[in-house]
N, C-alpha and C. Protein backbone atom coordinates (compact mmCIF):
# COMPACT_ATOMS: atom_id res chain seq x y z
N MET A 1 0.93 -40.68 18.21
CA MET A 1 2.32 -40.16 19.21
C MET A 1 2.99 -40.74 20.02
N PHE A 2 4.31 -40.34 20.34
CA PHE A 2 5.28 -41.45 20.83
C PHE A 2 4.47 -41.52 22.44
N LEU A 3 3.78 -41.06 23.03
CA LEU A 3 3.18 -41.51 24.44
C LEU A 3 2.46 -42.55 24.62
N GLU A 4 1.82 -43.17 23.93
CA GLU A 4 0.85 -44.11 23.52
C GLU A 4 1.06 -45.09 23.68
N LYS A 5 2.73 -45.04 23.67
CA LYS A 5 3.75 -46.51 23.78
C LYS A 5 3.98 -46.93 25.58
N LYS A 6 3.69 -47.93 25.69
CA LYS A 6 3.62 -48.03 27.15
C LYS A 6 5.33 -48.03 27.77
N GLU A 7 5.76 -46.89 27.38
CA GLU A 7 7.52 -47.18 28.16
C GLU A 7 7.02 -45.63 29.10
N LYS A 8 8.58 -45.74 29.89
CA LYS A 8 8.61 -44.75 30.71
C LYS A 8 9.54 -43.64 30.14
N TYR A 9 9.46 -42.58 30.78
CA TYR A 9 10.26 -41.49 29.95
C TYR A 9 11.14 -40.67 31.20
N ASP A 10 12.02 -40.28 31.22
CA ASP A 10 12.35 -39.70 32.17
C ASP A 10 12.56 -38.24 31.75
N LEU A 11 12.67 -37.54 30.55
CA LEU A 11 12.54 -36.48 30.30
C LEU A 11 11.82 -36.37 28.89
N ILE A 12 11.02 -35.23 29.00
CA ILE A 12 9.97 -35.20 27.23
C ILE A 12 11.03 -33.77 27.03
N ILE A 13 11.35 -33.44 26.25
CA ILE A 13 11.85 -31.90 25.37
C ILE A 13 10.62 -32.00 24.32
N VAL A 14 9.87 -30.76 24.02
CA VAL A 14 9.17 -30.33 22.78
C VAL A 14 9.55 -29.25 22.53
N ASP A 15 10.37 -29.51 20.93
CA ASP A 15 10.29 -28.24 20.28
C ASP A 15 9.15 -27.59 19.49
N GLU A 16 9.56 -26.17 19.41
CA GLU A 16 8.60 -25.76 18.31
C GLU A 16 7.02 -26.20 18.78
N THR A 17 7.04 -25.68 19.77
CA THR A 17 5.80 -26.23 20.80
C THR A 17 4.59 -25.20 19.79
N GLN A 18 4.97 -24.25 19.69
CA GLN A 18 3.48 -23.06 18.84
C GLN A 18 3.00 -24.05 17.73
N ARG A 19 3.45 -25.32 17.29
CA ARG A 19 2.87 -26.04 15.95
C ARG A 19 2.22 -27.12 16.49
N ILE A 20 2.02 -27.51 17.20
CA ILE A 20 1.55 -28.70 17.85
C ILE A 20 0.06 -28.25 18.46
N TYR A 21 -1.01 -28.93 18.32
CA TYR A 21 -2.53 -28.44 18.63
C TYR A 21 -2.83 -28.68 20.07
N ILE A 22 -3.40 -28.15 20.69
CA ILE A 22 -3.94 -27.82 22.19
C ILE A 22 -4.08 -29.38 22.93
N HIS A 23 -4.67 -30.61 21.98
CA HIS A 23 -5.03 -31.87 22.35
C HIS A 23 -3.89 -32.85 22.46
N GLN A 24 -2.42 -32.44 21.77
CA GLN A 24 -1.55 -32.80 21.55
C GLN A 24 -0.38 -32.46 23.30
N LEU A 25 -0.91 -31.09 23.12
CA LEU A 25 0.01 -30.73 24.45
C LEU A 25 -0.87 -31.30 25.66
N GLU A 26 -2.19 -31.40 25.61
CA GLU A 26 -2.67 -31.75 27.31
C GLU A 26 -2.20 -33.57 27.44
N ILE A 27 -2.52 -33.99 26.55
CA ILE A 27 -1.81 -35.59 26.33
C ILE A 27 -0.29 -35.86 27.15
N ILE A 28 0.77 -34.71 26.17
CA ILE A 28 1.96 -34.53 26.84
C ILE A 28 1.99 -34.35 28.31
N ILE A 29 1.33 -32.96 28.59
CA ILE A 29 0.80 -32.83 30.28
C ILE A 29 0.51 -33.66 31.40
N ASP A 30 -0.78 -34.06 30.96
CA ASP A 30 -0.85 -35.28 31.62
C ASP A 30 -0.35 -36.43 31.57
N TYR A 31 0.76 -36.76 30.84
CA TYR A 31 1.69 -37.90 30.73
C TYR A 31 2.60 -37.12 31.66
N VAL A 32 3.32 -36.13 32.02
CA VAL A 32 4.10 -35.64 32.55
C VAL A 32 3.60 -35.41 34.17
N ARG A 33 2.33 -35.09 34.39
CA ARG A 33 2.02 -35.01 35.81
C ARG A 33 1.91 -36.35 36.20
N GLN A 34 1.42 -37.28 35.26
CA GLN A 34 0.54 -38.53 35.94
C GLN A 34 2.55 -39.57 36.56
N ASN A 35 3.11 -38.80 35.69
CA ASN A 35 4.62 -39.82 35.80
C ASN A 35 5.84 -38.84 36.35
N GLN A 36 5.56 -37.80 36.83
CA GLN A 36 5.89 -36.92 37.47
C GLN A 36 7.84 -36.96 36.68
N VAL A 37 7.72 -36.45 35.30
CA VAL A 37 8.46 -36.39 34.45
C VAL A 37 8.80 -35.10 34.04
N LYS A 38 10.18 -34.72 33.91
CA LYS A 38 10.68 -33.26 33.69
C LYS A 38 10.03 -33.20 32.23
N CYS A 39 9.80 -31.93 32.20
CA CYS A 39 9.22 -31.63 30.68
C CYS A 39 10.29 -30.07 30.08
N VAL A 40 10.77 -29.85 28.92
CA VAL A 40 10.98 -28.62 28.56
C VAL A 40 9.84 -28.52 27.03
N PHE A 41 9.45 -27.59 27.27
CA PHE A 41 9.12 -26.90 26.11
C PHE A 41 9.63 -25.74 25.66
N SER A 42 10.08 -25.95 24.43
CA SER A 42 10.52 -24.54 23.62
C SER A 42 9.73 -23.70 22.55
N TYR A 43 9.08 -22.29 22.35
CA TYR A 43 8.15 -21.92 21.49
C TYR A 43 8.69 -20.92 21.54
N ASP A 44 8.72 -20.24 20.10
CA ASP A 44 8.78 -18.86 19.65
C ASP A 44 7.10 -18.18 19.34
N PRO A 45 6.24 -17.31 19.97
CA PRO A 45 5.50 -16.82 19.78
C PRO A 45 5.62 -15.70 18.22
N ASP A 46 6.41 -15.27 17.90
CA ASP A 46 6.81 -14.61 17.04
C ASP A 46 7.08 -15.62 15.87
N GLN A 47 7.08 -17.10 15.81
CA GLN A 47 6.86 -17.78 14.62
C GLN A 47 5.60 -18.27 14.55
N VAL A 48 4.10 -17.63 14.65
CA VAL A 48 3.12 -17.66 14.48
C VAL A 48 2.60 -16.71 12.93
N PHE A 49 1.72 -17.12 12.38
CA PHE A 49 1.36 -16.27 11.72
C PHE A 49 0.12 -16.17 11.44
N THR A 50 -0.88 -17.07 11.35
CA THR A 50 -2.39 -17.20 11.15
C THR A 50 -3.34 -17.11 12.30
N THR A 51 -4.11 -16.58 12.47
CA THR A 51 -4.96 -16.65 13.88
C THR A 51 -4.88 -17.72 14.19
N LYS A 52 -5.64 -18.81 13.47
CA LYS A 52 -6.24 -19.91 13.97
C LYS A 52 -4.75 -20.49 14.88
N THR A 53 -3.42 -20.60 14.11
CA THR A 53 -2.41 -20.98 15.24
C THR A 53 -2.14 -20.16 16.17
N LYS A 54 -1.99 -18.54 16.23
CA LYS A 54 -2.38 -17.89 17.52
C LYS A 54 -2.93 -18.19 18.41
N GLU A 55 -4.18 -18.51 17.62
CA GLU A 55 -5.42 -18.71 19.11
C GLU A 55 -5.13 -20.34 19.62
N LEU A 56 -4.64 -21.09 18.84
CA LEU A 56 -3.56 -22.15 19.30
C LEU A 56 -2.81 -22.36 20.31
N LEU A 57 -1.54 -21.59 19.90
CA LEU A 57 -0.32 -21.14 20.64
C LEU A 57 -0.89 -20.16 21.67
N ASN A 58 -1.80 -19.36 21.90
CA ASN A 58 -1.97 -18.74 23.29
C ASN A 58 -2.83 -19.54 24.77
N ASN A 59 -3.65 -20.93 23.54
CA ASN A 59 -3.75 -21.64 24.46
C ASN A 59 -2.81 -22.37 24.99
N SER A 60 -1.91 -22.89 24.29
CA SER A 60 -1.06 -23.84 24.03
C SER A 60 0.03 -22.81 25.75
N VAL A 61 0.50 -21.67 25.37
CA VAL A 61 1.19 -20.80 26.40
C VAL A 61 0.45 -20.99 27.65
N GLY A 62 -1.03 -20.58 27.62
CA GLY A 62 -1.54 -20.29 28.58
C GLY A 62 -1.42 -22.02 29.63
N LYS A 63 -1.61 -23.19 29.15
CA LYS A 63 -1.21 -24.21 29.92
C LYS A 63 0.15 -24.45 30.26
N ILE A 64 1.22 -24.32 29.59
CA ILE A 64 2.15 -23.94 30.10
C ILE A 64 2.56 -23.03 31.14
N GLU A 65 2.27 -22.28 30.88
CA GLU A 65 2.25 -21.50 32.10
C GLU A 65 1.34 -21.81 33.39
N GLN A 66 0.59 -22.64 33.33
CA GLN A 66 -0.16 -23.24 35.10
C GLN A 66 0.65 -24.37 35.46
N LEU A 67 1.87 -24.32 34.61
CA LEU A 67 2.31 -25.88 35.35
C LEU A 67 3.37 -25.51 36.13
N ASN A 68 3.75 -25.94 37.16
CA ASN A 68 5.04 -25.50 38.12
C ASN A 68 5.97 -25.84 37.09
N HIS A 69 6.90 -24.60 37.50
CA HIS A 69 7.92 -24.06 35.89
C HIS A 69 9.16 -23.10 35.72
N LYS A 70 10.25 -23.20 35.68
CA LYS A 70 11.07 -22.35 35.46
C LYS A 70 11.12 -21.81 33.74
N LYS A 71 10.92 -20.55 33.64
CA LYS A 71 10.91 -20.19 32.72
C LYS A 71 12.08 -19.41 31.90
N TYR A 72 12.86 -19.83 30.96
CA TYR A 72 14.00 -19.18 30.42
C TYR A 72 13.77 -18.29 29.25
N LYS A 73 14.14 -17.23 28.63
CA LYS A 73 14.32 -16.71 27.44
C LYS A 73 15.28 -17.10 26.69
N LEU A 74 15.52 -17.26 25.55
CA LEU A 74 16.88 -17.52 24.62
C LEU A 74 16.97 -16.09 23.92
N THR A 75 17.95 -15.48 24.24
CA THR A 75 18.21 -14.19 23.39
C THR A 75 19.21 -14.00 22.13
N GLN A 76 19.48 -14.83 21.93
CA GLN A 76 19.83 -15.17 20.43
C GLN A 76 19.64 -16.85 19.79
N LYS A 77 19.69 -17.26 18.42
CA LYS A 77 19.53 -18.03 17.93
C LYS A 77 20.39 -19.08 18.07
N ILE A 78 20.56 -20.35 19.46
CA ILE A 78 21.90 -21.24 19.47
C ILE A 78 22.07 -22.12 18.41
N ARG A 79 21.46 -22.11 16.98
CA ARG A 79 21.94 -23.09 16.40
C ARG A 79 22.92 -21.97 15.28
N THR A 80 22.80 -21.22 15.09
CA THR A 80 23.26 -20.26 14.00
C THR A 80 24.66 -20.03 14.52
N ASN A 81 25.58 -19.86 13.31
CA ASN A 81 26.79 -19.25 13.75
C ASN A 81 27.12 -18.19 14.10
N LYS A 82 27.91 -17.69 15.07
CA LYS A 82 28.12 -16.68 15.54
C LYS A 82 28.35 -15.30 14.25
N GLU A 83 29.11 -15.59 13.15
CA GLU A 83 28.94 -14.85 11.90
C GLU A 83 27.63 -14.48 11.19
N ILE A 84 26.58 -15.68 11.30
CA ILE A 84 25.56 -15.18 10.66
C ILE A 84 24.58 -14.41 11.75
N ALA A 85 24.66 -14.82 12.53
CA ALA A 85 24.07 -13.87 14.29
C ALA A 85 24.23 -12.60 14.17
N ALA A 86 26.24 -12.32 13.94
CA ALA A 86 26.20 -10.71 14.29
C ALA A 86 25.87 -10.31 12.77
N PHE A 87 25.44 -10.79 11.50
CA PHE A 87 25.34 -10.25 10.34
C PHE A 87 23.51 -10.04 10.65
N ILE A 88 22.91 -10.73 11.04
CA ILE A 88 21.76 -10.78 11.39
C ILE A 88 21.42 -9.16 12.24
N THR A 89 21.95 -9.35 13.33
CA THR A 89 21.92 -8.41 14.33
C THR A 89 22.06 -6.95 13.74
N ASN A 90 23.51 -7.02 13.03
CA ASN A 90 23.32 -5.72 12.65
C ASN A 90 23.08 -5.11 11.78
N LEU A 91 22.31 -6.16 10.53
CA LEU A 91 21.41 -6.12 9.58
C LEU A 91 19.96 -5.03 10.12
N PHE A 92 19.65 -5.55 11.45
CA PHE A 92 18.28 -5.26 11.65
C PHE A 92 18.62 -3.91 12.47
N ASN A 93 19.89 -3.82 13.20
CA ASN A 93 20.23 -2.26 13.72
C ASN A 93 21.51 -1.93 13.54
N THR A 94 21.65 -0.70 12.56
CA THR A 94 23.06 0.03 12.52
C THR A 94 23.72 -0.25 13.93
N ASN A 95 23.15 0.42 14.94
CA ASN A 95 24.04 0.68 16.02
C ASN A 95 24.35 -0.62 16.77
N ASN A 96 24.40 -1.93 16.35
CA ASN A 96 25.11 -3.16 16.68
C ASN A 96 26.19 -3.53 16.10
N ILE A 97 26.56 -2.65 14.84
CA ILE A 97 27.68 -3.20 14.14
C ILE A 97 29.05 -3.74 14.69
N ASN A 98 29.40 -5.02 14.09
CA ASN A 98 30.09 -5.33 14.95
C ASN A 98 31.58 -4.84 13.84
N ASN A 99 32.54 -4.36 13.61
CA ASN A 99 33.56 -4.05 12.49
C ASN A 99 34.56 -5.38 12.92
N ASN A 100 34.65 -6.08 13.77
CA ASN A 100 35.58 -6.86 14.03
C ASN A 100 35.05 -7.77 13.62
N MET A 101 34.08 -8.49 13.03
CA MET A 101 33.76 -9.66 12.44
C MET A 101 33.93 -10.00 11.19
N ASP A 102 34.30 -11.27 10.53
CA ASP A 102 34.33 -11.49 9.07
C ASP A 102 33.43 -12.12 8.72
N TYR A 103 32.98 -11.73 8.04
CA TYR A 103 31.85 -11.88 7.07
C TYR A 103 31.69 -12.68 5.63
N LYS A 104 32.74 -13.44 5.60
CA LYS A 104 32.86 -14.44 4.69
C LYS A 104 32.06 -15.42 4.05
N ASN A 105 31.06 -15.30 4.73
CA ASN A 105 29.73 -16.48 4.09
C ASN A 105 28.43 -15.92 3.90
N ILE A 106 28.61 -14.49 4.09
CA ILE A 106 27.64 -13.56 3.33
C ILE A 106 27.98 -13.44 2.36
N HIS A 107 27.01 -12.74 1.69
CA HIS A 107 26.97 -11.99 0.15
C HIS A 107 26.59 -10.98 -0.24
N LEU A 108 26.37 -9.76 -0.79
CA LEU A 108 25.63 -8.74 -0.48
C LEU A 108 25.46 -8.53 -2.45
N GLN A 109 24.41 -8.27 -3.32
CA GLN A 109 24.70 -8.24 -4.60
C GLN A 109 23.59 -7.00 -4.82
N TYR A 110 23.53 -6.24 -5.10
CA TYR A 110 22.70 -5.08 -5.77
C TYR A 110 22.22 -5.17 -6.99
N PHE A 111 21.14 -5.00 -7.51
CA PHE A 111 20.42 -5.32 -9.03
C PHE A 111 19.83 -3.87 -8.81
N ASP A 112 19.72 -3.48 -10.21
CA ASP A 112 19.33 -2.47 -10.73
C ASP A 112 17.67 -2.39 -11.59
N SER A 113 17.46 -4.05 -12.03
CA SER A 113 16.15 -4.41 -12.36
C SER A 113 15.93 -5.84 -12.12
N ALA A 114 14.65 -5.54 -11.74
CA ALA A 114 13.81 -6.91 -11.44
C ALA A 114 14.50 -8.01 -12.17
N LYS A 115 14.22 -8.09 -13.61
CA LYS A 115 14.53 -8.97 -14.50
C LYS A 115 16.27 -9.91 -14.29
N SER A 116 17.04 -8.80 -13.89
CA SER A 116 18.30 -9.24 -13.81
C SER A 116 18.27 -9.87 -12.33
N LEU A 117 17.54 -9.67 -11.26
CA LEU A 117 17.50 -10.41 -10.18
C LEU A 117 16.88 -11.46 -9.76
N ARG A 118 15.94 -11.54 -11.09
CA ARG A 118 15.16 -12.98 -10.92
C ARG A 118 16.32 -13.58 -11.67
N TYR A 119 17.09 -12.77 -12.84
CA TYR A 119 17.90 -14.47 -13.40
C TYR A 119 18.52 -14.74 -12.39
N TYR A 120 19.35 -13.91 -11.42
CA TYR A 120 20.44 -14.23 -10.46
C TYR A 120 19.62 -15.22 -9.50
N LEU A 121 18.38 -14.72 -9.19
CA LEU A 121 17.92 -16.00 -8.57
C LEU A 121 17.71 -17.17 -8.62
N GLU A 122 17.27 -17.23 -9.83
CA GLU A 122 16.95 -18.75 -10.64
C GLU A 122 18.14 -19.70 -10.66
N GLN A 123 19.59 -19.21 -10.91
CA GLN A 123 20.60 -19.02 -10.59
C GLN A 123 21.35 -20.05 -9.73
N LEU A 124 20.96 -18.92 -8.63
CA LEU A 124 20.84 -19.48 -6.96
C LEU A 124 20.31 -20.88 -6.87
N LYS A 125 18.96 -21.16 -7.10
CA LYS A 125 17.99 -21.74 -7.03
C LYS A 125 18.38 -23.16 -7.91
N GLU A 126 19.14 -23.02 -8.72
CA GLU A 126 19.45 -24.26 -9.53
C GLU A 126 20.72 -24.98 -8.93
N ASN A 127 21.73 -23.79 -8.31
CA ASN A 127 22.52 -24.26 -7.27
C ASN A 127 22.30 -24.75 -5.73
N SER A 128 20.89 -24.85 -5.44
CA SER A 128 21.00 -25.52 -4.35
C SER A 128 20.61 -24.86 -3.22
N TRP A 129 20.21 -23.30 -3.76
CA TRP A 129 19.97 -22.38 -2.61
C TRP A 129 18.76 -22.36 -2.23
N GLU A 130 18.40 -21.91 -1.30
CA GLU A 130 16.96 -21.72 -0.65
C GLU A 130 16.35 -20.48 -0.85
N VAL A 131 16.11 -20.34 -2.01
CA VAL A 131 15.39 -18.61 -2.01
C VAL A 131 14.18 -18.21 -1.29
N ILE A 132 13.87 -17.67 -0.63
CA ILE A 132 13.04 -17.09 0.40
C ILE A 132 12.00 -15.73 -0.60
N ASP A 133 11.17 -16.17 -1.25
CA ASP A 133 10.31 -15.32 -1.61
C ASP A 133 9.29 -14.10 -0.69
N TYR A 134 8.81 -13.38 -1.13
CA TYR A 134 8.17 -12.42 -0.22
C TYR A 134 6.45 -13.59 -0.44
N THR A 135 5.45 -13.15 0.55
CA THR A 135 4.65 -13.61 0.34
C THR A 135 2.97 -13.22 -0.40
N SER A 136 3.15 -13.45 -1.98
CA SER A 136 2.40 -12.62 -2.64
C SER A 136 0.77 -12.93 -2.40
N SER A 137 0.27 -11.88 -3.14
CA SER A 137 -1.37 -11.70 -3.31
C SER A 137 -1.81 -12.66 -3.70
N SER A 138 -2.95 -12.69 -3.62
CA SER A 138 -4.22 -13.67 -3.95
C SER A 138 -5.12 -13.50 -5.39
N TYR A 139 -4.61 -11.51 -4.64
CA TYR A 139 -5.95 -10.94 -6.04
C TYR A 139 -5.04 -9.86 -6.53
N TYR A 140 -3.90 -9.62 -6.01
CA TYR A 140 -3.44 -8.56 -6.61
C TYR A 140 -2.10 -8.75 -7.13
N LEU A 141 -1.88 -8.21 -8.34
CA LEU A 141 -0.12 -8.27 -8.71
C LEU A 141 0.51 -7.15 -8.37
N LEU A 142 1.61 -7.87 -7.17
CA LEU A 142 2.65 -6.77 -6.85
C LEU A 142 3.74 -7.43 -7.03
N SER A 143 4.47 -6.04 -6.86
CA SER A 143 5.91 -5.58 -7.72
C SER A 143 6.72 -6.37 -7.14
N ILE A 144 7.01 -7.23 -6.03
CA ILE A 144 7.70 -8.70 -5.52
C ILE A 144 7.62 -9.90 -6.63
N ASP A 145 6.31 -9.93 -7.64
CA ASP A 145 5.83 -11.06 -7.92
C ASP A 145 6.77 -11.08 -9.48
N LYS A 146 7.81 -9.73 -9.68
CA LYS A 146 8.32 -9.63 -10.66
C LYS A 146 9.93 -10.57 -10.89
N TYR A 147 10.01 -10.83 -9.72
CA TYR A 147 11.28 -11.42 -8.97
C TYR A 147 10.91 -12.65 -7.92
N SER A 148 10.22 -13.46 -8.55
CA SER A 148 9.58 -14.40 -7.47
C SER A 148 10.35 -15.63 -8.06
N VAL A 149 10.59 -16.71 -7.67
CA VAL A 149 11.13 -17.75 -8.44
C VAL A 149 10.65 -19.21 -7.72
N GLY A 150 9.97 -18.90 -6.91
CA GLY A 150 9.59 -20.49 -6.47
C GLY A 150 8.55 -20.39 -5.67
N ASN A 151 8.00 -21.23 -4.89
CA ASN A 151 6.76 -21.39 -4.11
C ASN A 151 7.30 -21.30 -2.74
N ARG A 152 8.51 -20.91 -2.03
CA ARG A 152 8.87 -20.70 -0.40
C ARG A 152 8.58 -19.64 -0.21
N ASN A 153 7.73 -19.28 0.83
CA ASN A 153 7.65 -18.18 1.63
C ASN A 153 8.34 -17.69 3.29
N ALA A 154 8.08 -17.16 3.80
CA ALA A 154 8.33 -17.05 4.97
C ALA A 154 7.36 -18.24 5.76
N HIS A 155 6.10 -18.21 5.29
CA HIS A 155 5.11 -19.13 6.11
C HIS A 155 5.73 -20.49 5.46
N HIS A 156 6.35 -20.79 4.55
CA HIS A 156 6.72 -22.20 4.59
C HIS A 156 7.92 -22.82 5.05
N VAL A 157 9.00 -21.98 5.76
CA VAL A 157 9.96 -22.09 5.76
C VAL A 157 10.17 -21.73 7.32
N ILE A 158 9.42 -21.20 7.96
CA ILE A 158 9.51 -20.70 9.37
C ILE A 158 9.87 -21.78 10.27
N GLY A 159 10.87 -21.52 11.02
CA GLY A 159 11.50 -22.58 11.99
C GLY A 159 12.17 -23.28 11.38
N LYS A 160 12.85 -23.07 10.12
CA LYS A 160 13.87 -24.20 9.72
C LYS A 160 15.17 -23.47 8.76
N GLU A 161 16.06 -24.48 8.91
CA GLU A 161 17.42 -23.74 8.65
C GLU A 161 17.82 -24.38 7.78
N PHE A 162 18.59 -23.61 6.94
CA PHE A 162 19.47 -24.11 5.90
C PHE A 162 20.72 -23.77 5.60
N ASP A 163 21.37 -24.33 4.71
CA ASP A 163 22.97 -23.89 4.55
C ASP A 163 23.42 -22.62 3.74
N LYS A 164 22.35 -22.43 2.65
CA LYS A 164 22.44 -21.83 1.43
C LYS A 164 21.22 -21.04 1.08
N VAL A 165 20.91 -19.42 1.37
CA VAL A 165 19.64 -18.96 1.81
C VAL A 165 19.61 -17.44 1.22
N ALA A 166 19.06 -17.52 0.33
CA ALA A 166 18.96 -16.17 -0.55
C ALA A 166 17.50 -15.34 -0.20
N VAL A 167 18.16 -13.93 0.02
CA VAL A 167 16.86 -13.35 0.35
C VAL A 167 16.55 -11.65 -0.50
N VAL A 168 15.80 -11.25 -0.55
CA VAL A 168 15.78 -9.68 -1.24
C VAL A 168 15.15 -8.87 -0.26
N ILE A 169 15.91 -7.86 -0.41
CA ILE A 169 15.56 -7.05 0.42
C ILE A 169 15.28 -5.87 -0.81
N ASN A 170 14.13 -5.24 -0.53
CA ASN A 170 13.74 -4.38 -1.71
C ASN A 170 13.66 -3.07 -1.36
N GLU A 171 12.83 -2.17 -2.29
CA GLU A 171 12.76 -0.78 -2.16
C GLU A 171 11.90 -0.15 -0.99
N ARG A 172 11.19 -1.43 -0.21
CA ARG A 172 10.34 -0.96 0.68
C ARG A 172 10.92 -1.27 2.26
N PHE A 173 11.93 -1.14 2.19
CA PHE A 173 13.25 -1.34 3.26
C PHE A 173 13.84 -0.15 3.58
N TYR A 174 13.75 -0.02 4.69
CA TYR A 174 14.61 1.43 5.08
C TYR A 174 14.79 1.55 6.59
N TYR A 175 15.99 2.24 7.16
CA TYR A 175 16.65 2.22 8.31
C TYR A 175 15.76 3.91 8.88
N ASN A 176 14.74 4.11 9.98
CA ASN A 176 14.79 4.97 10.64
C ASN A 176 15.61 5.99 11.24
N ASP A 177 15.52 6.67 12.13
CA ASP A 177 16.27 7.52 12.67
C ASP A 177 17.24 6.68 13.99
N SER A 178 16.53 5.66 14.19
CA SER A 178 17.39 4.80 15.32
C SER A 178 18.00 4.17 14.84
N GLY A 179 18.34 3.96 13.80
CA GLY A 179 19.05 2.74 12.63
C GLY A 179 18.74 1.20 12.65
N GLN A 180 16.92 1.47 12.95
CA GLN A 180 16.29 0.43 12.82
C GLN A 180 15.74 -0.24 11.53
N LEU A 181 15.93 -1.40 10.95
CA LEU A 181 15.49 -1.89 9.63
C LEU A 181 14.03 -1.73 9.74
N LEU A 182 13.23 -1.18 9.44
CA LEU A 182 12.11 -1.04 9.03
C LEU A 182 11.32 -1.38 7.93
N SER A 183 10.13 -1.73 7.27
CA SER A 183 9.61 -1.55 5.64
C SER A 183 7.71 -1.41 5.85
N THR A 184 7.50 -1.01 4.59
CA THR A 184 6.68 -0.42 4.16
C THR A 184 5.70 -1.24 3.38
N ARG A 185 4.58 -1.83 3.70
CA ARG A 185 3.65 -3.09 3.10
C ARG A 185 3.02 -2.20 1.87
N GLU A 186 3.60 -2.96 0.48
CA GLU A 186 2.95 -2.61 -0.84
C GLU A 186 1.54 -3.08 -0.45
N ALA A 187 0.28 -2.04 -1.08
CA ALA A 187 -0.60 -2.27 -0.99
C ALA A 187 -1.44 -2.88 -1.85
N GLY A 188 -1.99 -4.17 -0.87
CA GLY A 188 -2.36 -5.45 -1.78
C GLY A 188 -1.42 -6.43 -1.20
N ALA A 189 -0.67 -5.87 -0.76
CA ALA A 189 0.00 -7.18 -0.16
C ALA A 189 -0.30 -7.83 0.76
N PRO A 190 -0.28 -9.12 1.17
CA PRO A 190 -0.89 -9.71 2.62
C PRO A 190 -0.28 -9.29 3.67
N PRO A 191 -1.12 -9.23 5.06
CA PRO A 191 -0.40 -8.49 6.26
C PRO A 191 0.72 -9.26 6.99
């Protein structure tokens, strides 16, 4: 770890704090306290999947909350461009639709069969697209397995950003009366 060096730091920034172990966080906090260094922790509690990781994050968040600090909440991803951020916002809630936005980097494609969808995704993957699959079951054959083309799912890519991404919105997704995008879980699918 970088703090083992005998150098003096004026500012430490820890991104994706939810991914570090509690003992690592304690080393950073001790260094910050002993050296009166400013420190910025950024984390997203929604980017935690496993119970073990949630437990680590809860401990990490508790440790951070005990510090003398100012807390800020980001309202949108600052690393994405306005077009993609607007599209995602619109996708998740139809009440937020921005008709003035030109979505030149967004392409939607409808498929009426899993076979043609799978072929399309394979072509995208061959052309350097990141195809994000759903998390499949270790025990059951799921409908999503018909068009799975790789081994990258949300658990593998969380917190990462890519230039060309393809995802599937299947028949499990729907809009409720409030315009919010929701989904149902297939029997046997991981939670």
